[in-house]
């Protein structure tokens, strides 16, 4: 019986042992599975950290125990060069104290910001700005710090450049003599410099946030402003964008005054804003009015001078006409007649200027028509016998060119009327004035009557008229004169309208 019980106990123990072995085998399989999953997880984590664009680190007991490739790259090292090194070697000397204080607070369990920006030193000695997110973890049963690092050096440089630009802009804006005003997409004033305060009388505090067109613009512009601004809000375009305008504005005291406004568009955070440069042109407008008044006064005076010169010349011409009645000598009478026509040619110019809106230039087409038809009357010649062909279109000349040209035409037409068509012979006189390809004007006076004799040199003749033509062409017009005797007589004179 005792022996039978011993067997039973032995069998029971064997069963228990088999169960224990089965459990151990199961646990071993589970352990192997866990170990496999852990290896896979670690491999995934390592792959993730190594391919990450963010620097990842773990440090424990004041030494790096893990850094990924990106972390090492940010600082200019290889990962193996940093393992076992004190993290403080990468911290900028000016930021080490701050970092120590943060680390100490974190180790004591106090709440500190997980995200901070800090300066570091790269392997090449250059400063690197980094944004770090660090957290306290347990690694192999002991506290450690794990974190992510992003290189923000470029962003910091951009921010510094932006701050510098803002500083420069504020400096320029503060010292500018013109008002600088920015309005947002709703038409409200966003920026208001000191010059704007001086021009309009409102302080920055009073102006910021106000709707500009109600605040500064006269009512007569409101409708057009709203229409234009409605389009501007959507497109950044408007009737005043990119233009400089003169219009009225309103000061704080309600007084309207003239301004010059230049407007440009700027897109900020996806919305259109506008910047206006404003200049108070009150003094300029007053000066312009004074200049206009002075010019008007001088214009009246100059017109009166032309009128008096014309009258005086007509008096001289009348005196010559009266004097000519006391002689029967044909030669002397011709001299009187020639002198009269010369004086009248100049008097006509002053008469035309007196009647003209422009006192500096004369409508030469109209002037020549009057001058030559007066010569036909003076010499008693009918245009039915000697045709008159004037080809001068839309030409105006300054006074210093019109007078010598008029005298030249007077002399040459007088010669043609006196000598080219004897014994009531019929013919034609042509007068033309045209621009040439050489940026000059060409005056042509010709007739198809009897040619000027070959033995007469018009440059060295005793004829006062031809001598006068040569002097006027050369000295007054600074031009070149040519004579063609084929089929009549033709004078060509080329000159520049403006002397250089």
Protein backbone atom coordinates (compact mmCIF):
# COMPACT_ATOMS: atom_id res chain seq x y z
CA UNK A 1 0.00 0.00 0.00
CA UNK A 2 2.87 2.33 0.96
CA UNK A 3 4.73 1.32 -2.14
CA UNK A 4 1.64 1.93 -4.30
CA UNK A 5 1.26 5.45 -2.80
CA UNK A 6 4.87 6.22 -3.47
CA UNK A 7 4.32 5.41 -7.10
CA UNK A 8 1.30 7.62 -7.27
CA UNK A 9 3.20 10.47 -5.73
CA UNK A 10 6.03 9.90 -8.14
CA UNK A 11 3.67 9.95 -11.10
CA UNK A 12 2.10 13.15 -9.80
CA UNK A 13 5.47 14.77 -9.42
CA UNK A 14 6.38 13.72 -12.94
CA UNK A 15 3.16 15.26 -14.25
CA UNK A 16 3.85 18.48 -12.39
CA UNK A 17 7.38 18.49 -13.71
CA UNK A 18 6.14 18.03 -17.25
CA UNK A 19 3.66 20.87 -16.79
CA UNK A 20 6.43 23.08 -15.44
CA UNK A 21 8.65 22.17 -18.38
CA UNK A 22 5.79 22.96 -20.78
CA UNK A 23 5.23 26.31 -19.06
CA UNK A 24 8.94 27.10 -19.25
CA UNK A 25 9.02 26.14 -22.91
CA UNK A 26 5.98 28.36 -23.52
CA UNK A 27 7.59 31.22 -21.63
CA UNK A 28 10.79 30.74 -23.55
CA UNK A 29 8.88 30.94 -26.81
CA UNK A 30 7.05 34.04 -25.56
CA UNK A 31 10.35 35.54 -24.42
CA UNK A 32 11.88 34.84 -27.80
CA UNK A 33 8.86 36.47 -29.46
CA UNK A 34 9.14 39.48 -27.14
CA UNK A 35 12.86 39.66 -27.77
CA UNK A 36 12.24 39.50 -31.52
CA UNK A 37 9.60 42.24 -31.30
CA UNK A 38 11.94 44.29 -29.12
CA UNK A 39 14.74 43.92 -31.65
CA UNK A 40 12.31 44.86 -34.44
CA UNK A 41 11.08 47.81 -32.40
CA UNK A 42 14.63 48.91 -31.66
CA UNK A 43 15.51 48.53 -35.33
CA UNK A 44 12.47 50.56 -36.35
CA UNK A 45 13.33 53.22 -33.75
CA UNK A 46 16.95 53.32 -34.91
CA UNK A 47 15.86 53.54 -38.55
CA UNK A 48 13.45 56.30 -37.59
CA UNK A 49 16.05 58.25 -35.64
CA UNK A 50 18.75 57.82 -38.25
CA UNK A 51 16.48 58.96 -41.09
CA UNK A 52 14.95 61.79 -39.07
CA UNK A 53 15.44 65.38 -40.25
CA UNK A 54 15.46 66.33 -36.58
CA UNK A 55 18.46 65.88 -34.34
CA UNK A 56 17.78 63.37 -31.53
CA UNK A 57 19.87 62.87 -28.40
CA UNK A 58 19.85 61.14 -25.02
CA UNK A 59 22.22 62.13 -22.27
CA UNK A 60 22.56 60.60 -18.84
CA UNK A 61 24.89 61.36 -15.95
CA UNK A 62 26.22 64.40 -17.83
CA UNK A 63 27.24 62.46 -20.95
CA UNK A 64 25.74 61.74 -24.35
CA UNK A 65 24.77 58.08 -24.59
CA UNK A 66 22.96 58.41 -27.93
CA UNK A 67 22.92 60.91 -30.80
CA UNK A 68 21.55 60.35 -34.28
CA UNK A 69 23.27 61.33 -37.52
CA UNK A 70 21.25 64.54 -37.89
CA UNK A 71 22.16 65.75 -34.40
CA UNK A 72 25.84 65.17 -35.10
CA UNK A 73 25.54 66.82 -38.54
CA UNK A 74 23.95 69.97 -37.07
CA UNK A 75 26.99 70.43 -34.86
CA UNK A 76 29.54 69.39 -37.48
CA UNK A 77 30.56 66.10 -35.81
CA UNK A 78 30.26 62.38 -36.42
CA UNK A 79 28.02 60.52 -33.91
CA UNK A 80 30.93 58.58 -32.38
CA UNK A 81 32.75 61.85 -31.65
CA UNK A 82 29.96 62.94 -29.29
CA UNK A 83 29.17 59.72 -27.42
CA UNK A 84 30.49 60.02 -23.87
CA UNK A 85 31.03 63.78 -24.17
CA UNK A 86 29.58 66.41 -21.82
CA UNK A 87 26.61 68.18 -23.52
CA UNK A 88 27.93 71.51 -22.24
CA UNK A 89 30.80 71.40 -24.76
CA UNK A 90 28.23 72.21 -27.47
CA UNK A 91 26.57 75.07 -25.57
CA UNK A 92 27.57 78.67 -26.23
CA UNK A 93 29.43 80.04 -23.17
CA UNK A 94 26.84 82.81 -22.72
CA UNK A 95 23.99 80.26 -22.52
CA UNK A 96 25.58 77.56 -20.31
CA UNK A 97 24.45 79.07 -17.03
CA UNK A 98 20.85 79.29 -18.24
CA UNK A 99 20.89 75.66 -19.45
CA UNK A 100 22.34 74.41 -16.15
CA UNK A 101 19.55 76.12 -14.25
CA UNK A 102 16.90 74.56 -16.52
CA UNK A 103 18.45 71.07 -16.18
CA UNK A 104 18.66 71.40 -12.39
CA UNK A 105 15.01 72.40 -12.12
CA UNK A 106 13.98 69.50 -14.37
CA UNK A 107 15.96 66.97 -12.30
CA UNK A 108 14.26 68.26 -9.15
CA UNK A 109 10.89 67.58 -10.75
CA UNK A 110 9.96 71.23 -11.13
CA UNK A 111 7.90 72.27 -14.14
CA UNK A 112 10.02 73.88 -16.83
CA UNK A 113 9.35 74.60 -20.48
CA UNK A 114 10.18 71.65 -22.69
CA UNK A 115 10.79 73.91 -25.68
CA UNK A 116 13.56 76.50 -25.70
CA UNK A 117 15.95 78.25 -28.08
CA UNK A 118 19.63 78.21 -27.32
CA UNK A 119 22.94 79.07 -28.93
CA UNK A 120 25.43 76.29 -29.56
CA UNK A 121 28.98 76.07 -30.85
CA UNK A 122 29.74 73.89 -33.87
CA UNK A 123 32.94 71.96 -34.42
CA UNK A 124 34.15 74.82 -36.66
CA UNK A 125 33.60 77.32 -33.83
CA UNK A 126 30.63 79.02 -35.44
CA UNK A 127 27.50 79.87 -33.47
CA UNK A 128 24.45 77.70 -34.18
CA UNK A 129 20.96 78.63 -33.05
CA UNK A 130 18.93 75.55 -32.09
CA UNK A 131 15.35 74.98 -31.02
CA UNK A 132 15.28 72.12 -28.50
CA UNK A 133 12.42 70.06 -27.07
CA UNK A 134 13.72 68.07 -24.09
CA UNK A 135 11.94 65.76 -21.64
CA UNK A 136 12.93 63.70 -18.59
CA UNK A 137 12.77 59.91 -19.17
CA UNK A 138 13.98 56.73 -17.50
CA UNK A 139 16.61 54.86 -19.41
CA UNK A 140 17.73 51.48 -18.08
CA UNK A 141 16.09 52.23 -14.79
CA UNK A 142 17.72 55.61 -14.25
CA UNK A 143 16.75 59.20 -15.13
CA UNK A 144 17.96 60.61 -18.45
CA UNK A 145 17.10 63.47 -20.78
CA UNK A 146 15.92 62.86 -24.33
CA UNK A 147 15.38 65.64 -26.80
CA UNK A 148 14.89 66.79 -30.37
CA UNK A 149 16.94 69.58 -31.95
CA UNK A 150 16.23 71.75 -35.02
CA UNK A 151 18.81 74.09 -36.54
CA UNK A 152 17.11 77.52 -36.63
CA UNK A 153 20.23 79.57 -37.47
CA UNK A 154 18.85 80.63 -40.84
CA UNK A 155 15.51 81.56 -39.31
CA UNK A 156 17.28 83.61 -36.64
CA UNK A 157 19.29 85.37 -39.33
CA UNK A 158 16.10 86.17 -41.22
CA UNK A 159 14.53 87.44 -37.99
CA UNK A 160 17.61 89.56 -37.29
CA UNK A 161 17.55 90.94 -40.83
CA UNK A 162 13.85 91.67 -40.40
CA UNK A 163 14.48 93.45 -37.10
CA UNK A 164 17.27 95.44 -38.73
CA UNK A 165 15.01 96.29 -41.67
CA UNK A 166 12.26 97.37 -39.28
CA UNK A 167 14.76 99.49 -37.38
CA UNK A 168 15.95 101.13 -40.61
CA UNK A 169 12.36 101.62 -41.81
CA UNK A 170 11.34 103.19 -38.51
CA UNK A 171 14.39 105.43 -38.58
CA UNK A 172 13.67 106.54 -42.15
CA UNK A 173 9.97 106.89 -41.45
CA UNK A 174 10.58 108.93 -38.29
CA UNK A 175 12.92 111.34 -40.07
CA UNK A 176 10.91 111.53 -43.32
CA UNK A 177 9.40 114.88 -44.23
CA UNK A 178 6.54 113.13 -46.06
CA UNK A 179 3.72 111.40 -44.25
CA UNK A 180 3.77 107.59 -44.47
CA UNK A 181 0.43 105.89 -43.90
CA UNK A 182 -0.43 102.19 -44.22
CA UNK A 183 -3.99 100.96 -44.33
CA UNK A 184 -5.17 97.38 -43.96
CA UNK A 185 -7.60 95.34 -46.05
CA UNK A 186 -10.51 96.98 -44.26
CA UNK A 187 -9.37 100.51 -45.03
CA UNK A 188 -8.25 101.17 -41.46
CA UNK A 189 -5.03 103.00 -40.61
CA UNK A 190 -2.32 100.56 -39.57
CA UNK A 191 0.77 102.78 -39.56
CA UNK A 192 1.15 106.53 -39.01
CA UNK A 193 4.54 108.26 -38.88
CA UNK A 194 5.51 111.55 -37.23
CA UNK A 195 5.32 113.48 -40.50
CA UNK A 196 1.71 112.32 -40.94
CA UNK A 197 1.02 113.64 -37.44
CA UNK A 198 2.57 116.98 -38.36
CA UNK A 199 0.68 117.20 -41.67
CA UNK A 200 -2.77 116.17 -40.44
CA UNK A 201 -2.60 117.14 -36.76
CA UNK A 202 -3.62 113.72 -35.39
CA UNK A 203 -1.35 111.77 -33.04
CA UNK A 204 -0.49 108.15 -33.79
CA UNK A 205 -2.87 107.04 -31.03
CA UNK A 206 -5.70 109.08 -32.53
CA UNK A 207 -5.10 107.80 -36.07
CA UNK A 208 -4.39 104.07 -35.69
CA UNK A 209 -7.48 101.95 -36.34
CA UNK A 210 -9.51 104.74 -37.90
CA UNK A 211 -11.13 104.32 -41.32
CA UNK A 212 -8.93 106.49 -43.50
CA UNK A 213 -11.37 107.80 -46.10
CA UNK A 214 -13.79 109.08 -43.43
CA UNK A 215 -10.94 110.35 -41.27
CA UNK A 216 -8.87 112.29 -43.82
CA UNK A 217 -10.67 112.50 -47.16
CA UNK A 218 -13.28 115.16 -48.13
CA UNK A 219 -16.81 113.85 -48.75
CA UNK A 220 -16.64 114.57 -52.48
CA UNK A 221 -14.10 111.73 -52.84
CA UNK A 222 -15.94 109.14 -50.67
CA UNK A 223 -18.00 107.47 -53.41
CA UNK A 224 -15.05 107.08 -55.79
CA UNK A 225 -12.84 105.93 -52.90
CA UNK A 226 -15.26 103.17 -51.82
CA UNK A 227 -15.63 101.93 -55.39
CA UNK A 228 -11.89 101.86 -55.98
CA UNK A 229 -11.09 100.31 -52.60
CA UNK A 230 -13.65 97.54 -53.09
CA UNK A 231 -11.75 96.45 -56.22
CA UNK A 232 -8.39 96.90 -54.50
CA UNK A 233 -9.32 94.57 -51.60
CA UNK A 234 -9.85 91.71 -54.04
CA UNK A 235 -7.20 92.31 -56.70
CA UNK A 236 -4.55 94.69 -55.35
CA UNK A 237 -5.34 96.97 -58.29
CA UNK A 238 -7.14 100.27 -58.31
CA UNK A 239 -7.39 103.65 -60.07
CA UNK A 240 -4.79 105.26 -57.78
CA UNK A 241 -2.36 102.35 -57.26
CA UNK A 242 1.08 103.14 -58.68
CA UNK A 243 0.15 106.76 -59.36
CA UNK A 244 0.92 110.17 -57.89
CA UNK A 245 -2.09 112.43 -57.53
CA UNK A 246 -2.86 115.91 -56.33
CA UNK A 247 -6.02 116.18 -54.25
CA UNK A 248 -7.53 117.78 -51.15
CA UNK A 249 -7.33 116.43 -47.60
CA UNK A 250 -8.72 117.50 -44.22
CA UNK A 251 -6.68 118.46 -41.15
CA UNK A 252 -7.77 117.80 -37.59
CA UNK A 253 -8.99 121.41 -37.35
CA UNK A 254 -11.27 120.82 -40.36
CA UNK A 255 -9.21 122.91 -42.78
CA UNK A 256 -8.89 121.54 -46.31
CA UNK A 257 -5.44 121.68 -47.87
CA UNK A 258 -3.72 120.34 -51.02
CA UNK A 259 -1.62 117.17 -50.88
CA UNK A 260 0.41 115.07 -53.27
CA UNK A 261 -0.36 111.37 -52.75
CA UNK A 262 1.58 108.36 -54.07
CA UNK A 263 -0.04 104.97 -53.44
CA UNK A 264 1.40 101.45 -53.71
CA UNK A 265 0.04 97.98 -52.88
CA UNK A 266 1.51 95.33 -50.60
CA UNK A 267 0.25 91.80 -49.88
CA UNK A 268 0.54 90.82 -46.21
CA UNK A 269 -0.66 87.43 -44.93
CA UNK A 270 -2.70 86.93 -48.07
CA UNK A 271 -4.51 90.27 -47.85
CA UNK A 272 -3.92 93.48 -49.77
CA UNK A 273 -2.68 96.52 -47.87
CA UNK A 274 -1.80 99.92 -49.27
CA UNK A 275 0.91 102.43 -48.40
CA UNK A 276 0.43 106.11 -49.07
CA UNK A 277 3.19 108.71 -49.19
CA UNK A 278 1.65 112.09 -48.44
CA UNK A 279 3.22 115.49 -49.04
CA UNK A 280 1.69 118.79 -47.98
CA UNK A 281 1.96 120.95 -51.11
CA UNK A 282 0.31 124.06 -49.69
CA UNK A 283 3.47 126.16 -50.07
CA UNK A 284 4.14 124.75 -53.54
CA UNK A 285 0.62 125.59 -54.67
CA UNK A 286 0.96 129.10 -53.27
CA UNK A 287 4.28 129.48 -55.10
CA UNK A 288 2.69 128.16 -58.32
CA UNK A 289 -0.12 130.70 -58.00
CA UNK A 290 2.43 133.46 -57.45
CA UNK A 291 4.39 132.31 -60.52
CA UNK A 292 1.20 132.14 -62.60
CA UNK A 293 0.27 135.65 -61.49
CA UNK A 294 3.79 136.90 -62.28
CA UNK A 295 3.74 135.18 -65.69
CA UNK A 296 0.33 136.65 -66.41
CA UNK A 297 1.64 140.08 -65.48
CA UNK A 298 4.72 139.63 -67.69
CA UNK A 299 2.57 138.27 -70.51
CA UNK A 300 0.39 141.39 -70.37
CA UNK A 301 3.52 143.55 -70.30
CA UNK A 302 5.15 141.66 -73.20
CA UNK A 303 1.95 141.81 -75.21
CA UNK A 304 1.84 145.57 -74.63
CA UNK A 305 5.49 145.86 -75.74
CA UNK A 306 4.75 143.97 -78.98
CA UNK A 307 1.74 146.21 -79.53
CA UNK A 308 3.78 149.39 -79.00
CA UNK A 309 6.68 148.16 -81.18
CA UNK A 310 4.21 147.36 -83.95
CA UNK A 311 2.58 150.80 -83.61
CA UNK A 312 5.96 152.57 -83.62
CA UNK A 313 7.05 150.67 -86.72
CA UNK A 314 3.81 151.57 -88.45
CA UNK A 315 4.44 155.22 -87.55
CA UNK A 316 7.92 154.98 -89.10
CA UNK A 317 6.41 153.32 -92.18
CA UNK A 318 3.80 156.07 -92.43
CA UNK A 319 6.49 158.74 -92.11
CA UNK A 320 8.44 157.12 -94.96
CA UNK A 321 5.29 157.04 -97.06
CA UNK A 322 4.63 160.72 -96.36
CA UNK A 323 8.25 161.62 -97.06
CA UNK A 324 8.15 159.77 -100.38
CA UNK A 325 5.46 162.18 -101.61
CA UNK A 326 8.01 165.01 -101.65
CA UNK A 327 10.22 163.46 -104.34
CA UNK A 328 9.77 162.48 -107.95
CA UNK A 329 13.09 160.58 -108.15
CA UNK A 330 12.25 156.94 -109.00
CA UNK A 331 15.42 155.59 -107.36
CA UNK A 332 14.65 157.39 -104.10
CA UNK A 333 11.02 156.27 -104.27
CA UNK A 334 12.19 152.62 -104.65
CA UNK A 335 14.40 153.07 -101.58
CA UNK A 336 11.47 154.43 -99.58
CA UNK A 337 9.24 151.56 -100.77
CA UNK A 338 11.88 148.91 -99.90
CA UNK A 339 12.41 150.45 -96.46
CA UNK A 340 8.67 150.48 -95.84
CA UNK A 341 8.29 146.81 -96.76
CA UNK A 342 11.20 145.84 -94.47
CA UNK A 343 9.73 147.73 -91.54
CA UNK A 344 6.27 146.29 -92.20
CA UNK A 345 7.66 142.73 -92.36
CA UNK A 346 8.94 143.19 -88.79
CA UNK A 347 5.80 145.04 -87.68
CA UNK A 348 3.66 142.11 -88.87
CA UNK A 349 5.61 139.75 -86.58
CA UNK A 350 4.95 141.92 -83.52
CA UNK A 351 1.30 142.21 -84.55
CA UNK A 352 0.98 138.42 -84.83
CA UNK A 353 2.69 137.92 -81.45
CA UNK A 354 0.39 140.51 -79.89
CA UNK A 355 -2.61 138.52 -81.17
CA UNK A 356 -1.13 135.11 -80.29
CA UNK A 357 -1.60 133.06 -77.12
CA UNK A 358 2.08 132.04 -77.26
CA UNK A 359 4.28 135.11 -77.01
CA UNK A 360 7.50 133.17 -77.70
CA UNK A 361 6.63 131.59 -81.07
CA UNK A 362 4.81 132.73 -84.17
CA UNK A 363 2.53 130.84 -86.57
CA UNK A 364 4.82 131.24 -89.58
CA UNK A 365 2.29 130.00 -92.13
CA UNK A 366 -0.20 132.73 -91.29
CA UNK A 367 2.54 135.34 -91.01
CA UNK A 368 4.02 134.61 -94.47
CA UNK A 369 0.58 134.75 -96.10
CA UNK A 370 -0.03 138.21 -94.62
CA UNK A 371 3.49 139.44 -95.43
CA UNK A 372 3.57 138.35 -99.08
CA UNK A 373 0.04 139.44 -99.94
CA UNK A 374 0.90 142.86 -98.51
CA UNK A 375 3.95 142.95 -100.85
CA UNK A 376 1.72 142.15 -103.84
CA UNK A 377 -0.48 145.09 -102.83
CA UNK A 378 2.51 147.39 -102.28
CA UNK A 379 3.91 146.67 -105.75
CA UNK A 380 0.48 146.71 -107.38
CA UNK A 381 0.75 143.14 -108.66
CA UNK A 382 -2.28 140.90 -109.08
CA UNK A 383 -2.16 137.21 -108.11
CA UNK A 384 -4.07 136.58 -111.32
CA UNK A 385 -0.92 137.58 -113.28
CA UNK A 386 1.71 136.20 -110.90
CA UNK A 387 0.49 133.17 -109.00
CA UNK A 388 1.49 132.77 -105.37
CA UNK A 389 2.25 129.27 -104.08
CA UNK A 390 2.97 129.07 -100.32
CA UNK A 391 3.89 125.61 -98.99
CA UNK A 392 4.39 126.05 -95.25
CA UNK A 393 2.37 123.65 -93.08
CA UNK A 394 2.03 123.83 -89.31
CA UNK A 395 5.33 125.61 -88.74
CA UNK A 396 5.90 127.89 -85.76
CA UNK A 397 9.19 129.69 -85.20
CA UNK A 398 10.73 131.51 -82.25
CA UNK A 399 11.08 135.27 -82.57
CA UNK A 400 14.86 135.17 -83.25
CA UNK A 401 14.25 132.96 -86.32
CA UNK A 402 10.96 134.40 -87.51
CA UNK A 403 12.27 137.97 -87.97
CA UNK A 404 15.29 137.11 -90.20
CA UNK A 405 13.21 134.59 -92.19
CA UNK A 406 10.52 137.22 -92.68
CA UNK A 407 13.07 139.81 -93.86
CA UNK A 408 14.66 137.31 -96.27
CA UNK A 409 11.26 136.43 -97.78
CA UNK A 410 10.45 140.15 -98.00
CA UNK A 411 13.67 140.90 -99.97
CA UNK A 412 13.49 137.91 -102.32
CA UNK A 413 9.78 138.26 -103.13
CA UNK A 414 10.25 142.03 -103.65
CA UNK A 415 13.09 141.29 -106.11
CA UNK A 416 10.91 138.79 -107.98
CA UNK A 417 8.01 141.23 -108.21
CA UNK A 418 10.30 144.04 -109.43
CA UNK A 419 12.63 142.23 -111.85
CA UNK A 420 11.50 138.68 -112.74
CA UNK A 421 8.32 139.49 -114.66
CA UNK A 422 8.80 142.63 -116.83
CA UNK A 423 6.22 143.95 -119.26
CA UNK A 424 3.27 142.35 -117.45
CA UNK A 425 4.73 138.88 -117.98
CA UNK A 426 2.86 136.10 -116.16
CA UNK A 427 4.51 133.62 -113.83
CA UNK A 428 4.66 132.07 -110.37
CA UNK A 429 6.40 132.72 -107.06
CA UNK A 430 6.85 129.80 -104.65
CA UNK A 431 7.68 129.94 -100.94
CA UNK A 432 8.29 126.75 -98.94
CA UNK A 433 9.58 125.91 -95.47
CA UNK A 434 10.11 122.26 -94.49
CA UNK A 435 12.17 120.17 -92.07
CA UNK A 436 14.99 118.10 -93.63
CA UNK A 437 16.52 114.75 -92.73
CA UNK A 438 19.46 116.58 -91.15
CA UNK A 439 17.22 118.01 -88.39
CA UNK A 440 17.27 121.38 -90.12
CA UNK A 441 14.71 123.66 -91.69
CA UNK A 442 14.97 124.57 -95.38
CA UNK A 443 13.52 127.85 -96.64
CA UNK A 444 12.99 128.00 -100.43
CA UNK A 445 11.98 131.17 -102.31
CA UNK A 446 11.76 130.81 -106.11
CA UNK A 447 10.19 132.24 -109.25
CA UNK A 448 9.95 131.07 -112.86
CA UNK A 449 10.60 134.49 -114.35
CA UNK A 450 13.80 135.97 -115.77
CA UNK A 451 16.80 134.43 -114.01
CA UNK A 452 19.24 136.54 -112.07
CA UNK A 453 22.11 137.43 -114.45
CA UNK A 454 25.15 135.14 -114.21
CA UNK A 455 27.49 138.09 -113.71
CA UNK A 456 25.81 139.03 -110.42
CA UNK A 457 27.39 137.45 -107.34
CA UNK A 458 24.67 137.74 -104.71
CA UNK A 459 27.29 137.40 -101.93
CA UNK A 460 29.27 140.40 -103.19
CA UNK A 461 26.77 142.73 -104.71
CA UNK A 462 26.02 146.37 -104.20
CA UNK A 463 22.32 145.50 -103.94
CA UNK A 464 21.26 146.26 -100.37
CA UNK A 465 18.47 143.67 -100.55
CA UNK A 466 20.70 140.73 -101.58
CA UNK A 467 23.42 141.86 -99.20
CA UNK A 468 20.84 141.87 -96.40
CA UNK A 469 19.69 138.34 -97.37
CA UNK A 470 23.29 137.06 -97.14
CA UNK A 471 23.90 138.68 -93.74
CA UNK A 472 20.60 137.42 -92.30
CA UNK A 473 21.15 133.86 -93.57
CA UNK A 474 24.73 133.66 -92.33
CA UNK A 475 24.75 135.73 -89.13
CA UNK A 476 21.18 135.58 -87.82
CA UNK A 477 20.09 132.11 -88.94
CA UNK A 478 23.63 130.65 -88.92
CA UNK A 479 22.61 128.82 -92.07
CA UNK A 480 23.85 127.99 -95.56
CA UNK A 481 22.52 129.70 -98.69
CA UNK A 482 22.49 128.39 -102.28
CA UNK A 483 21.32 129.98 -105.55
CA UNK A 484 19.95 128.07 -108.56
CA UNK A 485 19.44 130.14 -111.76
CA UNK A 486 17.91 127.32 -113.88
CA UNK A 487 14.39 128.11 -115.14
CA UNK A 488 14.17 131.23 -113.02
CA UNK A 489 15.71 132.12 -109.68
CA UNK A 490 15.68 129.84 -106.62
CA UNK A 491 17.23 130.55 -103.22
CA UNK A 492 17.62 127.72 -100.68
CA UNK A 493 18.58 128.45 -97.09
CA UNK A 494 19.15 125.66 -94.55
CA UNK A 495 19.32 126.41 -90.82
CA UNK A 496 18.67 124.86 -87.44
CA UNK A 497 15.66 126.05 -85.50
CA UNK A 498 17.62 126.05 -82.22
CA UNK A 499 21.26 127.11 -82.10
CA UNK A 500 23.51 124.67 -80.22
